């Protein structure tokens, strides 16, 4: 997701805790909105294509989005939440 409406992806694919998606530095609200946009861009519309199961911050500043996809499989996407530490 690279657009003019928020932070851009610096690294990571989000497929594991070891490779979280890292955005350019931004405040917490902007980062969470970018995480949500990324998930919608990749998986579709919430409550149609995927259902949120849990969203929390793991130790080590990893934002974990757990979801159930429309086909019944579960999926987690991981983001580096440390990018917003300087804004708090």
PDB file of N, CA and C in Angstrom:
ATOM      1  N   UNK A   1       0.852  -1.176   0.000  1.00  0.00           N
ATOM      2  CA  UNK A   1       0.000   0.000   0.000  1.00  0.00           C
ATOM      3  C   UNK A   1       0.895   1.235   0.000  1.00  0.00           C
ATOM      4  N   UNK A   2       0.969   1.913  -1.080  1.00  0.00           N
ATOM      5  CA  UNK A   2       1.756   3.129  -1.178  1.00  0.00           C
ATOM      6  C   UNK A   2       0.819   4.216  -1.727  1.00  0.00           C
ATOM      7  N   UNK A   3       0.399   5.133  -0.870  1.00  0.00           N
ATOM      8  CA  UNK A   3      -0.484   6.192  -1.336  1.00  0.00           C
ATOM      9  C   UNK A   3      -0.157   7.504  -0.640  1.00  0.00           C
ATOM     10  N   UNK A   4      -0.865   8.543  -1.004  1.00  0.00           N
ATOM     11  CA  UNK A   4      -0.608   9.851  -0.422  1.00  0.00           C
ATOM     12  C   UNK A   4      -1.483  10.118   0.790  1.00  0.00           C
ATOM     13  N   UNK A   5      -2.265   9.137   1.221  1.00  0.00           N
ATOM     14  CA  UNK A   5      -3.206   9.336   2.314  1.00  0.00           C
ATOM     15  C   UNK A   5      -2.709   8.805   3.644  1.00  0.00           C
ATOM     16  N   UNK A   6      -1.470   8.462   3.729  1.00  0.00           N
ATOM     17  CA  UNK A   6      -0.957   7.951   4.982  1.00  0.00           C
ATOM     18  C   UNK A   6       0.460   7.450   4.832  1.00  0.00           C
ATOM     19  N   UNK A   7       0.912   6.737   5.849  1.00  0.00           N
ATOM     20  CA  UNK A   7       2.286   6.239   5.823  1.00  0.00           C
ATOM     21  C   UNK A   7       2.473   5.184   4.732  1.00  0.00           C
ATOM     22  N   UNK A   8       3.713   4.999   4.324  1.00  0.00           N
ATOM     23  CA  UNK A   8       4.034   3.990   3.321  1.00  0.00           C
ATOM     24  C   UNK A   8       4.773   2.828   3.988  1.00  0.00           C
ATOM     25  N   UNK A   9       4.748   1.697   3.333  1.00  0.00           N
ATOM     26  CA  UNK A   9       5.414   0.512   3.864  1.00  0.00           C
ATOM     27  C   UNK A   9       6.917   0.628   3.637  1.00  0.00           C
ATOM     28  N   UNK A  10       7.667   0.400   4.714  1.00  0.00           N
ATOM     29  CA  UNK A  10       9.125   0.453   4.662  1.00  0.00           C
ATOM     30  C   UNK A  10       9.695  -0.959   4.490  1.00  0.00           C
ATOM     31  N   UNK A  11       9.108  -1.927   5.201  1.00  0.00           N
ATOM     32  CA  UNK A  11       9.616  -3.292   5.136  1.00  0.00           C
ATOM     33  C   UNK A  11       8.575  -4.270   5.649  1.00  0.00           C
ATOM     34  N   UNK A  12       8.857  -5.556   5.446  1.00  0.00           N
ATOM     35  CA  UNK A  12       8.033  -6.633   5.969  1.00  0.00           C
ATOM     36  C   UNK A  12       6.882  -7.022   5.071  1.00  0.00           C
ATOM     37  N   UNK A  13       6.419  -8.271   5.283  1.00  0.00           N
ATOM     38  CA  UNK A  13       5.260  -8.747   4.533  1.00  0.00           C
ATOM     39  C   UNK A  13       4.059  -9.022   5.436  1.00  0.00           C
ATOM     40  N   UNK A  14       4.257  -8.983   6.761  1.00  0.00           N
ATOM     41  CA  UNK A  14       3.163  -9.166   7.701  1.00  0.00           C
ATOM     42  C   UNK A  14       2.713 -10.599   7.890  1.00  0.00           C
ATOM     43  N   UNK A  15       3.403 -11.535   7.268  1.00  0.00           N
ATOM     44  CA  UNK A  15       2.984 -12.932   7.342  1.00  0.00           C
ATOM     45  C   UNK A  15       3.409 -13.637   8.625  1.00  0.00           C
ATOM     46  N   UNK A  16       4.352 -13.044   9.367  1.00  0.00           N
ATOM     47  CA  UNK A  16       4.795 -13.660  10.619  1.00  0.00           C
ATOM     48  C   UNK A  16       5.233 -12.570  11.594  1.00  0.00           C
ATOM     49  N   UNK A  17       5.341 -12.955  12.859  1.00  0.00           N
ATOM     50  CA  UNK A  17       5.818 -12.023  13.884  1.00  0.00           C
ATOM     51  C   UNK A  17       7.223 -11.541  13.534  1.00  0.00           C
ATOM     52  N   UNK A  18       8.001 -12.381  12.871  1.00  0.00           N
ATOM     53  CA  UNK A  18       9.370 -12.029  12.504  1.00  0.00           C
ATOM     54  C   UNK A  18       9.495 -11.119  11.302  1.00  0.00           C
ATOM     55  N   UNK A  19       8.402 -10.966  10.540  1.00  0.00           N
ATOM     56  CA  UNK A  19       8.427 -10.096   9.353  1.00  0.00           C
ATOM     57  C   UNK A  19       7.221  -9.149   9.339  1.00  0.00           C
ATOM     58  N   UNK A  20       7.043  -8.384  10.432  1.00  0.00           N
ATOM     59  CA  UNK A  20       5.892  -7.481  10.477  1.00  0.00           C
ATOM     60  C   UNK A  20       6.023  -6.356   9.451  1.00  0.00           C
ATOM     61  N   UNK A  21       4.903  -5.872   9.000  1.00  0.00           N
ATOM     62  CA  UNK A  21       4.901  -4.712   8.105  1.00  0.00           C
ATOM     63  C   UNK A  21       5.277  -3.493   8.931  1.00  0.00           C
ATOM     64  N   UNK A  22       6.229  -2.732   8.432  1.00  0.00           N
ATOM     65  CA  UNK A  22       6.662  -1.508   9.116  1.00  0.00           C
ATOM     66  C   UNK A  22       6.363  -0.325   8.203  1.00  0.00           C
ATOM     67  N   UNK A  23       5.635   0.644   8.746  1.00  0.00           N
ATOM     68  CA  UNK A  23       5.306   1.867   8.022  1.00  0.00           C
ATOM     69  C   UNK A  23       6.309   2.968   8.336  1.00  0.00           C
ATOM     70  N   UNK A  24       6.296   4.018   7.533  1.00  0.00           N
ATOM     71  CA  UNK A  24       7.063   5.207   7.868  1.00  0.00           C
ATOM     72  C   UNK A  24       6.512   5.760   9.188  1.00  0.00           C
ATOM     73  N   UNK A  25       7.323   6.475   9.970  1.00  0.00           N
ATOM     74  CA  UNK A  25       6.865   6.971  11.271  1.00  0.00           C
ATOM     75  C   UNK A  25       5.569   7.784  11.171  1.00  0.00           C
ATOM     76  N   UNK A  26       4.673   7.529  12.119  1.00  0.00           N
ATOM     77  CA  UNK A  26       3.387   8.223  12.170  1.00  0.00           C
ATOM     78  C   UNK A  26       2.790   8.042  13.563  1.00  0.00           C
ATOM     79  N   UNK A  27       1.763   8.813  13.879  1.00  0.00           N
ATOM     80  CA  UNK A  27       1.122   8.671  15.178  1.00  0.00           C
ATOM     81  C   UNK A  27       0.285   7.398  15.229  1.00  0.00           C
ATOM     82  N   UNK A  28      -0.145   7.031  16.416  1.00  0.00           N
ATOM     83  CA  UNK A  28      -0.851   5.768  16.644  1.00  0.00           C
ATOM     84  C   UNK A  28      -2.126   5.653  15.808  1.00  0.00           C
ATOM     85  N   UNK A  29      -2.970   6.671  15.819  1.00  0.00           N
ATOM     86  CA  UNK A  29      -4.236   6.611  15.077  1.00  0.00           C
ATOM     87  C   UNK A  29      -3.999   6.441  13.575  1.00  0.00           C
ATOM     88  N   UNK A  30      -3.006   7.145  13.050  1.00  0.00           N
ATOM     89  CA  UNK A  30      -2.679   7.040  11.627  1.00  0.00           C
ATOM     90  C   UNK A  30      -2.153   5.650  11.302  1.00  0.00           C
ATOM     91  N   UNK A  31      -1.311   5.105  12.191  1.00  0.00           N
ATOM     92  CA  UNK A  31      -0.769   3.757  11.967  1.00  0.00           C
ATOM     93  C   UNK A  31      -1.875   2.710  11.961  1.00  0.00           C
ATOM     94  N   UNK A  32      -2.784   2.775  12.927  1.00  0.00           N
ATOM     95  CA  UNK A  32      -3.867   1.793  12.995  1.00  0.00           C
ATOM     96  C   UNK A  32      -4.773   1.908  11.774  1.00  0.00           C
ATOM     97  N   UNK A  33      -5.038   3.131  11.327  1.00  0.00           N
ATOM     98  CA  UNK A  33      -5.839   3.316  10.109  1.00  0.00           C
ATOM     99  C   UNK A  33      -5.125   2.719   8.903  1.00  0.00           C
ATOM    100  N   UNK A  34      -3.803   2.868   8.840  1.00  0.00           N
ATOM    101  CA  UNK A  34      -3.031   2.303   7.733  1.00  0.00           C
ATOM    102  C   UNK A  34      -3.034   0.775   7.793  1.00  0.00           C
ATOM    103  N   UNK A  35      -2.961   0.219   8.996  1.00  0.00           N
ATOM    104  CA  UNK A  35      -3.049  -1.231   9.145  1.00  0.00           C
ATOM    105  C   UNK A  35      -4.386  -1.737   8.610  1.00  0.00           C
ATOM    106  N   UNK A  36      -5.446  -1.077   9.017  1.00  0.00           N
ATOM    107  CA  UNK A  36      -6.794  -1.460   8.576  1.00  0.00           C
ATOM    108  C   UNK A  36      -6.928  -1.346   7.052  1.00  0.00           C
ATOM    109  N   UNK A  37      -6.440  -0.247   6.490  1.00  0.00           N
ATOM    110  CA  UNK A  37      -6.499  -0.075   5.019  1.00  0.00           C
ATOM    111  C   UNK A  37      -5.733  -1.179   4.309  1.00  0.00           C
ATOM    112  N   UNK A  38      -4.560  -1.530   4.848  1.00  0.00           N
ATOM    113  CA  UNK A  38      -3.762  -2.597   4.244  1.00  0.00           C
ATOM    114  C   UNK A  38      -4.560  -3.902   4.223  1.00  0.00           C
ATOM    115  N   UNK A  39      -5.170  -4.242   5.351  1.00  0.00           N
ATOM    116  CA  UNK A  39      -5.946  -5.484   5.441  1.00  0.00           C
ATOM    117  C   UNK A  39      -7.118  -5.466   4.471  1.00  0.00           C
ATOM    118  N   UNK A  40      -7.817  -4.347   4.389  1.00  0.00           N
ATOM    119  CA  UNK A  40      -8.950  -4.247   3.450  1.00  0.00           C
ATOM    120  C   UNK A  40      -8.467  -4.320   2.000  1.00  0.00           C
ATOM    121  N   UNK A  41      -7.344  -3.693   1.698  1.00  0.00           N
ATOM    122  CA  UNK A  41      -6.789  -3.767   0.341  1.00  0.00           C
ATOM    123  C   UNK A  41      -6.412  -5.198  -0.015  1.00  0.00           C
ATOM    124  N   UNK A  42      -5.905  -5.941   0.949  1.00  0.00           N
ATOM    125  CA  UNK A  42      -5.426  -7.302   0.689  1.00  0.00           C
ATOM    126  C   UNK A  42      -6.531  -8.367   0.756  1.00  0.00           C
ATOM    127  N   UNK A  43      -7.477  -8.202   1.697  1.00  0.00           N
ATOM    128  CA  UNK A  43      -8.460  -9.257   1.941  1.00  0.00           C
ATOM    129  C   UNK A  43      -9.897  -8.882   1.597  1.00  0.00           C
ATOM    130  N   UNK A  44     -10.171  -7.609   1.377  1.00  0.00           N
ATOM    131  CA  UNK A  44     -11.529  -7.205   1.014  1.00  0.00           C
ATOM    132  C   UNK A  44     -12.240  -6.476   2.141  1.00  0.00           C
ATOM    133  N   UNK A  45     -13.544  -6.434   2.037  1.00  0.00           N
ATOM    134  CA  UNK A  45     -14.382  -5.659   2.951  1.00  0.00           C
ATOM    135  C   UNK A  45     -14.619  -6.437   4.254  1.00  0.00           C
ATOM    136  N   UNK A  46     -14.403  -5.744   5.387  1.00  0.00           N
ATOM    137  CA  UNK A  46     -14.659  -6.372   6.685  1.00  0.00           C
ATOM    138  C   UNK A  46     -16.129  -6.758   6.787  1.00  0.00           C
ATOM    139  N   UNK A  47     -16.400  -7.875   7.415  1.00  0.00           N
ATOM    140  CA  UNK A  47     -17.727  -8.449   7.618  1.00  0.00           C
ATOM    141  C   UNK A  47     -18.356  -9.000   6.338  1.00  0.00           C
ATOM    142  N   UNK A  48     -17.647  -8.917   5.222  1.00  0.00           N
ATOM    143  CA  UNK A  48     -18.079  -9.583   3.988  1.00  0.00           C
ATOM    144  C   UNK A  48     -17.023 -10.607   3.595  1.00  0.00           C
ATOM    145  N   UNK A  49     -15.780 -10.143   3.447  1.00  0.00           N
ATOM    146  CA  UNK A  49     -14.686 -11.017   3.033  1.00  0.00           C
ATOM    147  C   UNK A  49     -13.853 -11.540   4.206  1.00  0.00           C
ATOM    148  N   UNK A  50     -13.920 -10.841   5.301  1.00  0.00           N
ATOM    149  CA  UNK A  50     -13.193 -11.261   6.502  1.00  0.00           C
ATOM    150  C   UNK A  50     -13.875 -10.698   7.736  1.00  0.00           C
ATOM    151  N   UNK A  51     -13.677 -11.397   8.857  1.00  0.00           N
ATOM    152  CA  UNK A  51     -14.262 -10.986  10.132  1.00  0.00           C
ATOM    153  C   UNK A  51     -13.144 -10.843  11.158  1.00  0.00           C
ATOM    154  N   UNK A  52     -13.120  -9.718  11.826  1.00  0.00           N
ATOM    155  CA  UNK A  52     -12.085  -9.484  12.834  1.00  0.00           C
ATOM    156  C   UNK A  52     -12.322 -10.396  14.038  1.00  0.00           C
ATOM    157  N   UNK A  53     -11.291 -11.115  14.427  1.00  0.00           N
ATOM    158  CA  UNK A  53     -11.358 -11.982  15.601  1.00  0.00           C
ATOM    159  C   UNK A  53     -10.725 -11.307  16.807  1.00  0.00           C
ATOM    160  N   UNK A  54      -9.576 -10.658  16.575  1.00  0.00           N
ATOM    161  CA  UNK A  54      -8.858  -9.994  17.656  1.00  0.00           C
ATOM    162  C   UNK A  54      -7.863  -9.002  17.053  1.00  0.00           C
ATOM    163  N   UNK A  55      -7.613  -7.935  17.776  1.00  0.00           N
ATOM    164  CA  UNK A  55      -6.556  -6.983  17.415  1.00  0.00           C
ATOM    165  C   UNK A  55      -5.920  -6.543  18.725  1.00  0.00           C
ATOM    166  N   UNK A  56      -4.633  -6.832  18.876  1.00  0.00           N
ATOM    167  CA  UNK A  56      -3.938  -6.471  20.107  1.00  0.00           C
ATOM    168  C   UNK A  56      -2.458  -6.246  19.815  1.00  0.00           C
ATOM    169  N   UNK A  57      -1.753  -5.688  20.802  1.00  0.00           N
ATOM    170  CA  UNK A  57      -0.318  -5.469  20.654  1.00  0.00           C
ATOM    171  C   UNK A  57       0.423  -6.518  21.462  1.00  0.00           C
ATOM    172  N   UNK A  58       1.269  -7.265  20.761  1.00  0.00           N
ATOM    173  CA  UNK A  58       2.104  -8.294  21.388  1.00  0.00           C
ATOM    174  C   UNK A  58       3.338  -7.631  22.010  1.00  0.00           C
ATOM    175  N   UNK A  59       3.991  -8.330  22.927  1.00  0.00           N
ATOM    176  CA  UNK A  59       5.278  -7.828  23.424  1.00  0.00           C
ATOM    177  C   UNK A  59       6.232  -7.612  22.248  1.00  0.00           C
ATOM    178  N   UNK A  60       7.035  -6.580  22.343  1.00  0.00           N
ATOM    179  CA  UNK A  60       7.962  -6.265  21.261  1.00  0.00           C
ATOM    180  C   UNK A  60       7.345  -5.317  20.235  1.00  0.00           C
ATOM    181  N   UNK A  61       6.226  -4.698  20.589  1.00  0.00           N
ATOM    182  CA  UNK A  61       5.563  -3.716  19.728  1.00  0.00           C
ATOM    183  C   UNK A  61       5.109  -4.301  18.397  1.00  0.00           C
ATOM    184  N   UNK A  62       4.450  -5.459  18.458  1.00  0.00           N
ATOM    185  CA  UNK A  62       3.892  -6.078  17.265  1.00  0.00           C
ATOM    186  C   UNK A  62       2.373  -5.998  17.355  1.00  0.00           C
ATOM    187  N   UNK A  63       1.761  -5.305  16.413  1.00  0.00           N
ATOM    188  CA  UNK A  63       0.314  -5.214  16.316  1.00  0.00           C
ATOM    189  C   UNK A  63      -0.171  -6.449  15.561  1.00  0.00           C
ATOM    190  N   UNK A  64      -1.053  -7.229  16.187  1.00  0.00           N
ATOM    191  CA  UNK A  64      -1.526  -8.512  15.659  1.00  0.00           C
ATOM    192  C   UNK A  64      -3.008  -8.413  15.326  1.00  0.00           C
ATOM    193  N   UNK A  65      -3.329  -8.593  14.059  1.00  0.00           N
ATOM    194  CA  UNK A  65      -4.721  -8.615  13.613  1.00  0.00           C
ATOM    195  C   UNK A  65      -5.071 -10.064  13.273  1.00  0.00           C
ATOM    196  N   UNK A  66      -5.939 -10.668  14.061  1.00  0.00           N
ATOM    197  CA  UNK A  66      -6.413 -12.017  13.788  1.00  0.00           C
ATOM    198  C   UNK A  66      -7.773 -11.934  13.120  1.00  0.00           C
ATOM    199  N   UNK A  67      -7.952 -12.717  12.074  1.00  0.00           N
ATOM    200  CA  UNK A  67      -9.222 -12.647  11.343  1.00  0.00           C
ATOM    201  C   UNK A  67      -9.639 -14.013  10.822  1.00  0.00           C
ATOM    202  N   UNK A  68     -10.908 -14.123  10.528  1.00  0.00           N
ATOM    203  CA  UNK A  68     -11.464 -15.306   9.886  1.00  0.00           C
ATOM    204  C   UNK A  68     -11.891 -14.878   8.494  1.00  0.00           C
ATOM    205  N   UNK A  69     -11.376 -15.560   7.488  1.00  0.00           N
ATOM    206  CA  UNK A  69     -11.693 -15.222   6.104  1.00  0.00           C
ATOM    207  C   UNK A  69     -13.012 -15.853   5.690  1.00  0.00           C
ATOM    208  N   UNK A  70     -13.580 -15.378   4.604  1.00  0.00           N
ATOM    209  CA  UNK A  70     -14.878 -15.846   4.124  1.00  0.00           C
ATOM    210  C   UNK A  70     -14.894 -17.350   3.858  1.00  0.00           C
ATOM    211  N   UNK A  71     -13.753 -17.930   3.508  1.00  0.00           N
ATOM    212  CA  UNK A  71     -13.698 -19.378   3.242  1.00  0.00           C
ATOM    213  C   UNK A  71     -13.569 -20.208   4.516  1.00  0.00           C
ATOM    214  N   UNK A  72     -13.581 -19.536   5.680  1.00  0.00           N
ATOM    215  CA  UNK A  72     -13.525 -20.229   6.959  1.00  0.00           C
ATOM    216  C   UNK A  72     -12.135 -20.381   7.543  1.00  0.00           C
ATOM    217  N   UNK A  73     -11.103 -20.057   6.781  1.00  0.00           N
ATOM    218  CA  UNK A  73      -9.742 -20.155   7.298  1.00  0.00           C
ATOM    219  C   UNK A  73      -9.444 -18.949   8.190  1.00  0.00           C
ATOM    220  N   UNK A  74      -8.468 -19.121   9.067  1.00  0.00           N
ATOM    221  CA  UNK A  74      -8.059 -18.010   9.923  1.00  0.00           C
ATOM    222  C   UNK A  74      -6.715 -17.492   9.446  1.00  0.00           C
ATOM    223  N   UNK A  75      -6.473 -16.248   9.769  1.00  0.00           N
ATOM    224  CA  UNK A  75      -5.267 -15.578   9.283  1.00  0.00           C
ATOM    225  C   UNK A  75      -4.874 -14.490  10.271  1.00  0.00           C
ATOM    226  N   UNK A  76      -3.590 -14.291  10.459  1.00  0.00           N
ATOM    227  CA  UNK A  76      -3.078 -13.171  11.245  1.00  0.00           C
ATOM    228  C   UNK A  76      -2.171 -12.339  10.364  1.00  0.00           C
ATOM    229  N   UNK A  77      -2.231 -11.030  10.557  1.00  0.00           N
ATOM    230  CA  UNK A  77      -1.328 -10.108   9.873  1.00  0.00           C
ATOM    231  C   UNK A  77      -0.654  -9.290  10.966  1.00  0.00           C
ATOM    232  N   UNK A  78       0.656  -9.137  10.838  1.00  0.00           N
ATOM    233  CA  UNK A  78       1.462  -8.495  11.880  1.00  0.00           C
ATOM    234  C   UNK A  78       2.067  -7.182  11.388  1.00  0.00           C
ATOM    235  N   UNK A  79       2.052  -6.183  12.268  1.00  0.00           N
ATOM    236  CA  UNK A  79       2.590  -4.856  11.967  1.00  0.00           C
ATOM    237  C   UNK A  79       3.528  -4.429  13.085  1.00  0.00           C
ATOM    238  N   UNK A  80       4.535  -3.645  12.741  1.00  0.00           N
ATOM    239  CA  UNK A  80       5.472  -3.090  13.709  1.00  0.00           C
ATOM    240  C   UNK A  80       4.859  -1.813  14.271  1.00  0.00           C
ATOM    241  N   UNK A  81       4.445  -1.861  15.530  1.00  0.00           N
ATOM    242  CA  UNK A  81       3.791  -0.682  16.119  1.00  0.00           C
ATOM    243  C   UNK A  81       4.771   0.299  16.735  1.00  0.00           C
ATOM    244  N   UNK A  82       6.079  -0.013  16.703  1.00  0.00           N
ATOM    245  CA  UNK A  82       7.065   0.901  17.289  1.00  0.00           C
ATOM    246  C   UNK A  82       7.206   2.190  16.492  1.00  0.00           C
ATOM    247  N   UNK A  83       6.693   2.222  15.266  1.00  0.00           N
ATOM    248  CA  UNK A  83       6.837   3.432  14.443  1.00  0.00           C
ATOM    249  C   UNK A  83       6.079   4.626  15.014  1.00  0.00           C
ATOM    250  N   UNK A  84       5.137   4.375  15.924  1.00  0.00           N
ATOM    251  CA  UNK A  84       4.386   5.494  16.485  1.00  0.00           C
ATOM    252  C   UNK A  84       4.817   5.856  17.915  1.00  0.00           C
ATOM    253  N   UNK A  85       5.880   5.242  18.424  1.00  0.00           N
ATOM    254  CA  UNK A  85       6.333   5.527  19.781  1.00  0.00           C
ATOM    255  C   UNK A  85       6.770   6.978  19.980  1.00  0.00           C
ATOM    256  N   UNK A  86       7.415   7.557  18.990  1.00  0.00           N
ATOM    257  CA  UNK A  86       7.904   8.933  19.123  1.00  0.00           C
ATOM    258  C   UNK A  86       6.776   9.967  19.145  1.00  0.00           C
ATOM    259  N   UNK A  87       5.559   9.559  18.819  1.00  0.00           N
ATOM    260  CA  UNK A  87       4.439  10.483  18.744  1.00  0.00           C
ATOM    261  C   UNK A  87       3.585  10.446  19.996  1.00  0.00           C
ATOM    262  N   UNK A  88       3.938   9.603  20.961  1.00  0.00           N
ATOM    263  CA  UNK A  88       3.102   9.461  22.161  1.00  0.00           C
ATOM    264  C   UNK A  88       3.738  10.106  23.351  1.00  0.00           C
TER     265      UNK A  88
END
